C-alpha cells in the first residue's frame, strides 16, 4: 500500500482558483492535478539535468580531443626540432 503524508502546502488564492478551474475543466480531482503537475515538473527537471550533462560531456570530450591534438602538435614540433638539432650536431 502506498504511503502518503500531508505536506501542508498553502497555495495563494490565484493558484487555488486556477487549480479548481483546471480540475473542473478536466473532470479530475485537485489532488490528481497537483500530482501530475509535480510529476511533469520532476520529469522536466530531470530532462534539463540530462541535457546539461550531455552538453558538458560533449564539451569535455571536444576539449579533450583539442588538448590531445595540441599535445601531439607540440610533441611533433619538439621531435622535429630535436631531429634537426641532432642532424646539425652530427
N, C-alpha and C. Protein backbone atom coordinates (compact mmCIF):
# COMPACT_ATOMS: atom_id res chain seq x y z
N UNK A 1 0.84 -1.18 0.00
CA UNK A 1 0.00 0.00 0.00
C UNK A 1 0.89 1.25 0.00
N UNK A 2 0.50 2.22 -0.78
CA UNK A 2 1.29 3.45 -0.88
C UNK A 2 1.16 4.26 0.40
N UNK A 3 2.28 4.79 0.80
CA UNK A 3 2.31 5.63 2.00
C UNK A 3 2.11 7.08 1.58
N UNK A 4 1.32 7.80 2.31
CA UNK A 4 1.10 9.20 1.96
C UNK A 4 1.30 10.06 3.20
N UNK A 5 1.58 11.31 2.94
CA UNK A 5 1.71 12.26 4.04
C UNK A 5 1.26 13.62 3.53
N UNK A 6 0.82 14.42 4.43
CA UNK A 6 0.35 15.75 4.09
C UNK A 6 1.51 16.72 4.17
N UNK A 7 1.69 17.49 3.11
CA UNK A 7 2.81 18.42 3.07
C UNK A 7 2.48 19.78 3.68
N UNK A 8 1.22 20.08 3.78
CA UNK A 8 0.84 21.36 4.35
C UNK A 8 1.08 22.53 3.41
N UNK A 9 0.95 22.28 2.11
CA UNK A 9 1.13 23.35 1.14
C UNK A 9 -0.06 24.30 1.19
N UNK A 10 0.22 25.56 1.08
CA UNK A 10 -0.84 26.56 1.11
C UNK A 10 -0.73 27.44 -0.13
N UNK A 11 -1.44 27.06 -1.20
CA UNK A 11 -1.38 27.89 -2.41
C UNK A 11 -2.08 29.22 -2.17
N UNK A 12 -1.60 30.24 -2.86
CA UNK A 12 -2.28 31.53 -2.72
C UNK A 12 -3.63 31.46 -3.43
N UNK A 13 -4.41 32.51 -3.30
CA UNK A 13 -5.78 32.50 -3.81
C UNK A 13 -5.83 32.28 -5.32
N UNK A 14 -4.93 32.93 -6.05
CA UNK A 14 -4.92 32.80 -7.51
C UNK A 14 -4.58 31.36 -7.93
N UNK A 15 -3.56 30.77 -7.28
CA UNK A 15 -3.20 29.38 -7.59
C UNK A 15 -4.34 28.43 -7.26
N UNK A 16 -4.99 28.68 -6.14
CA UNK A 16 -6.11 27.84 -5.72
C UNK A 16 -7.26 27.91 -6.73
N UNK A 17 -7.56 29.12 -7.20
CA UNK A 17 -8.63 29.28 -8.20
C UNK A 17 -8.26 28.58 -9.51
N UNK A 18 -7.01 28.72 -9.93
CA UNK A 18 -6.56 28.06 -11.16
C UNK A 18 -6.62 26.54 -11.02
N UNK A 19 -6.25 26.04 -9.86
CA UNK A 19 -6.30 24.60 -9.62
C UNK A 19 -7.74 24.09 -9.71
N UNK A 20 -8.66 24.79 -9.08
CA UNK A 20 -10.08 24.39 -9.13
C UNK A 20 -10.61 24.47 -10.55
N UNK A 21 -10.24 25.53 -11.27
CA UNK A 21 -10.71 25.70 -12.65
C UNK A 21 -10.24 24.56 -13.54
N UNK A 22 -8.97 24.20 -13.43
CA UNK A 22 -8.42 23.12 -14.26
C UNK A 22 -9.03 21.78 -13.86
N UNK A 23 -9.22 21.56 -12.57
CA UNK A 23 -9.82 20.31 -12.11
C UNK A 23 -11.24 20.16 -12.67
N UNK A 24 -12.01 21.24 -12.66
CA UNK A 24 -13.37 21.19 -13.21
C UNK A 24 -13.34 21.00 -14.72
N UNK A 25 -12.44 21.70 -15.38
CA UNK A 25 -12.34 21.62 -16.84
C UNK A 25 -11.99 20.21 -17.30
N UNK A 26 -11.08 19.56 -16.58
CA UNK A 26 -10.62 18.23 -16.97
C UNK A 26 -11.40 17.11 -16.29
N UNK A 27 -12.28 17.45 -15.36
CA UNK A 27 -13.06 16.43 -14.67
C UNK A 27 -12.21 15.54 -13.77
N UNK A 28 -11.22 16.12 -13.15
CA UNK A 28 -10.32 15.37 -12.26
C UNK A 28 -10.29 16.05 -10.91
N UNK A 29 -9.72 15.38 -9.95
CA UNK A 29 -9.60 15.98 -8.62
C UNK A 29 -8.40 16.93 -8.58
N UNK A 30 -8.46 17.83 -7.64
CA UNK A 30 -7.34 18.77 -7.47
C UNK A 30 -6.06 18.02 -7.10
N UNK A 31 -6.21 16.96 -6.32
CA UNK A 31 -5.05 16.16 -5.92
C UNK A 31 -4.40 15.51 -7.15
N UNK A 32 -5.22 15.02 -8.08
CA UNK A 32 -4.68 14.43 -9.32
C UNK A 32 -3.94 15.47 -10.15
N UNK A 33 -4.50 16.67 -10.22
CA UNK A 33 -3.86 17.75 -10.97
C UNK A 33 -2.50 18.08 -10.34
N UNK A 34 -2.46 18.21 -9.02
CA UNK A 34 -1.21 18.51 -8.33
C UNK A 34 -0.19 17.39 -8.50
N UNK A 35 -0.64 16.15 -8.39
CA UNK A 35 0.26 15.00 -8.55
C UNK A 35 0.87 14.99 -9.95
N UNK A 36 0.02 15.18 -10.97
CA UNK A 36 0.52 15.20 -12.35
C UNK A 36 1.44 16.39 -12.60
N UNK A 37 1.10 17.53 -12.01
CA UNK A 37 1.95 18.72 -12.17
C UNK A 37 3.33 18.48 -11.57
N UNK A 38 3.36 17.86 -10.40
CA UNK A 38 4.64 17.57 -9.75
C UNK A 38 5.44 16.59 -10.60
N UNK A 39 4.79 15.57 -11.13
CA UNK A 39 5.49 14.59 -11.97
C UNK A 39 6.04 15.24 -13.24
N UNK A 40 5.25 16.13 -13.85
CA UNK A 40 5.73 16.83 -15.05
C UNK A 40 6.92 17.73 -14.70
N UNK A 41 6.85 18.39 -13.55
CA UNK A 41 7.95 19.25 -13.12
C UNK A 41 9.22 18.44 -12.90
N UNK A 42 9.09 17.29 -12.23
CA UNK A 42 10.25 16.44 -11.96
C UNK A 42 10.82 15.91 -13.27
N UNK A 43 9.95 15.48 -14.18
CA UNK A 43 10.42 14.98 -15.48
C UNK A 43 11.16 16.08 -16.24
N UNK A 44 10.62 17.29 -16.22
CA UNK A 44 11.26 18.41 -16.89
C UNK A 44 12.62 18.72 -16.27
N UNK A 45 12.69 18.71 -14.94
CA UNK A 45 13.97 18.96 -14.26
C UNK A 45 14.99 17.89 -14.60
N UNK A 46 14.54 16.63 -14.64
CA UNK A 46 15.45 15.53 -15.00
C UNK A 46 15.95 15.66 -16.43
N UNK A 47 15.05 16.05 -17.34
CA UNK A 47 15.45 16.23 -18.74
C UNK A 47 16.45 17.38 -18.89
N UNK A 48 16.23 18.47 -18.15
CA UNK A 48 17.16 19.59 -18.20
C UNK A 48 18.52 19.18 -17.65
N UNK A 49 18.52 18.41 -16.58
CA UNK A 49 19.77 17.93 -15.99
C UNK A 49 20.50 17.02 -16.97
N UNK A 50 19.74 16.11 -17.60
CA UNK A 50 20.34 15.20 -18.58
C UNK A 50 20.92 15.98 -19.77
N UNK A 51 20.19 17.00 -20.23
CA UNK A 51 20.66 17.83 -21.34
C UNK A 51 21.94 18.55 -20.94
N UNK A 52 21.98 19.10 -19.72
CA UNK A 52 23.16 19.80 -19.23
C UNK A 52 24.37 18.88 -19.22
N UNK A 53 24.18 17.66 -18.68
CA UNK A 53 25.29 16.71 -18.61
C UNK A 53 25.73 16.26 -19.99
N UNK A 54 24.78 16.15 -20.93
CA UNK A 54 25.13 15.78 -22.30
C UNK A 54 26.00 16.87 -22.93
N UNK A 55 25.59 18.13 -22.76
CA UNK A 55 26.37 19.25 -23.30
C UNK A 55 27.74 19.31 -22.62
N UNK A 56 27.76 19.11 -21.31
CA UNK A 56 29.02 19.12 -20.58
C UNK A 56 29.94 18.01 -21.07
N UNK A 57 29.37 16.81 -21.31
CA UNK A 57 30.16 15.69 -21.81
C UNK A 57 30.72 16.01 -23.19
N UNK A 58 29.86 16.56 -24.06
CA UNK A 58 30.32 16.89 -25.42
C UNK A 58 31.42 17.94 -25.37
N UNK A 59 31.25 18.95 -24.51
CA UNK A 59 32.26 20.00 -24.38
C UNK A 59 33.56 19.41 -23.84
N UNK A 60 33.44 18.58 -22.80
CA UNK A 60 34.63 17.98 -22.20
C UNK A 60 35.33 17.08 -23.20
N UNK A 61 34.53 16.27 -23.92
CA UNK A 61 35.09 15.37 -24.91
C UNK A 61 35.77 16.16 -26.02
N UNK A 62 35.13 17.23 -26.47
CA UNK A 62 35.69 18.08 -27.52
C UNK A 62 36.97 18.76 -27.03
N UNK A 63 36.93 19.27 -25.81
CA UNK A 63 38.10 19.93 -25.24
C UNK A 63 39.25 18.94 -25.08
N UNK A 64 38.90 17.72 -24.68
CA UNK A 64 39.93 16.69 -24.51
C UNK A 64 40.58 16.37 -25.85
N UNK A 65 39.76 16.27 -26.90
CA UNK A 65 40.31 16.00 -28.24
C UNK A 65 41.21 17.15 -28.68
N UNK A 66 40.78 18.36 -28.42
CA UNK A 66 41.57 19.53 -28.80
C UNK A 66 42.90 19.55 -28.06
N UNK A 67 42.86 19.28 -26.75
CA UNK A 67 44.10 19.24 -25.98
C UNK A 67 45.02 18.13 -26.45
N UNK A 68 44.45 16.99 -26.83
CA UNK A 68 45.26 15.89 -27.35
C UNK A 68 45.93 16.30 -28.65
N UNK A 69 45.18 16.98 -29.53
CA UNK A 69 45.76 17.45 -30.80
C UNK A 69 46.89 18.45 -30.55
N UNK A 70 46.68 19.34 -29.60
CA UNK A 70 47.71 20.33 -29.27
C UNK A 70 48.95 19.63 -28.73
N UNK A 71 48.73 18.65 -27.84
CA UNK A 71 49.87 17.91 -27.27
C UNK A 71 50.64 17.19 -28.36
N UNK A 72 49.94 16.55 -29.30
CA UNK A 72 50.63 15.86 -30.40
C UNK A 72 51.37 16.85 -31.30
N UNK A 73 50.77 18.02 -31.51
CA UNK A 73 51.44 19.03 -32.33
C UNK A 73 52.73 19.51 -31.66
N UNK A 74 52.65 19.74 -30.35
CA UNK A 74 53.84 20.17 -29.61
C UNK A 74 54.89 19.07 -29.63
N UNK A 75 54.45 17.82 -29.40
CA UNK A 75 55.37 16.69 -29.43
C UNK A 75 56.04 16.57 -30.80
N UNK A 76 55.23 16.70 -31.85
CA UNK A 76 55.78 16.65 -33.22
C UNK A 76 56.77 17.77 -33.47
N UNK A 77 56.44 18.95 -33.00
CA UNK A 77 57.33 20.10 -33.16
C UNK A 77 58.65 19.86 -32.43
N UNK A 78 58.56 19.41 -31.18
CA UNK A 78 59.77 19.14 -30.40
C UNK A 78 60.58 18.01 -31.02
N UNK A 79 59.90 16.97 -31.48
CA UNK A 79 60.59 15.84 -32.10
C UNK A 79 61.30 16.29 -33.38
N UNK A 80 60.61 17.07 -34.19
CA UNK A 80 61.20 17.56 -35.44
C UNK A 80 62.42 18.43 -35.15
N UNK A 81 62.28 19.35 -34.21
CA UNK A 81 63.40 20.23 -33.86
C UNK A 81 64.55 19.45 -33.25
N UNK A 82 64.25 18.42 -32.48
CA UNK A 82 65.31 17.58 -31.90
C UNK A 82 66.06 16.84 -32.98
N UNK A 83 65.31 16.31 -33.96
CA UNK A 83 65.96 15.59 -35.06
C UNK A 83 66.84 16.53 -35.88
N UNK A 84 66.33 17.73 -36.12
CA UNK A 84 67.11 18.72 -36.87
C UNK A 84 68.36 19.08 -36.09
N UNK A 85 68.21 19.27 -34.77
CA UNK A 85 69.35 19.61 -33.91
C UNK A 85 70.38 18.47 -33.91
N UNK A 86 69.91 17.23 -33.85
CA UNK A 86 70.82 16.08 -33.87
C UNK A 86 71.55 16.02 -35.20
N UNK A 87 70.85 16.27 -36.29
CA UNK A 87 71.48 16.24 -37.61
C UNK A 87 72.52 17.35 -37.75
N UNK A 88 72.22 18.52 -37.16
CA UNK A 88 73.16 19.64 -37.24
C UNK A 88 74.41 19.33 -36.42
N UNK A 89 74.22 18.74 -35.23
CA UNK A 89 75.36 18.44 -34.36
C UNK A 89 76.25 17.38 -34.99
N UNK A 90 75.66 16.38 -35.61
CA UNK A 90 76.46 15.31 -36.22
C UNK A 90 77.17 15.89 -37.41
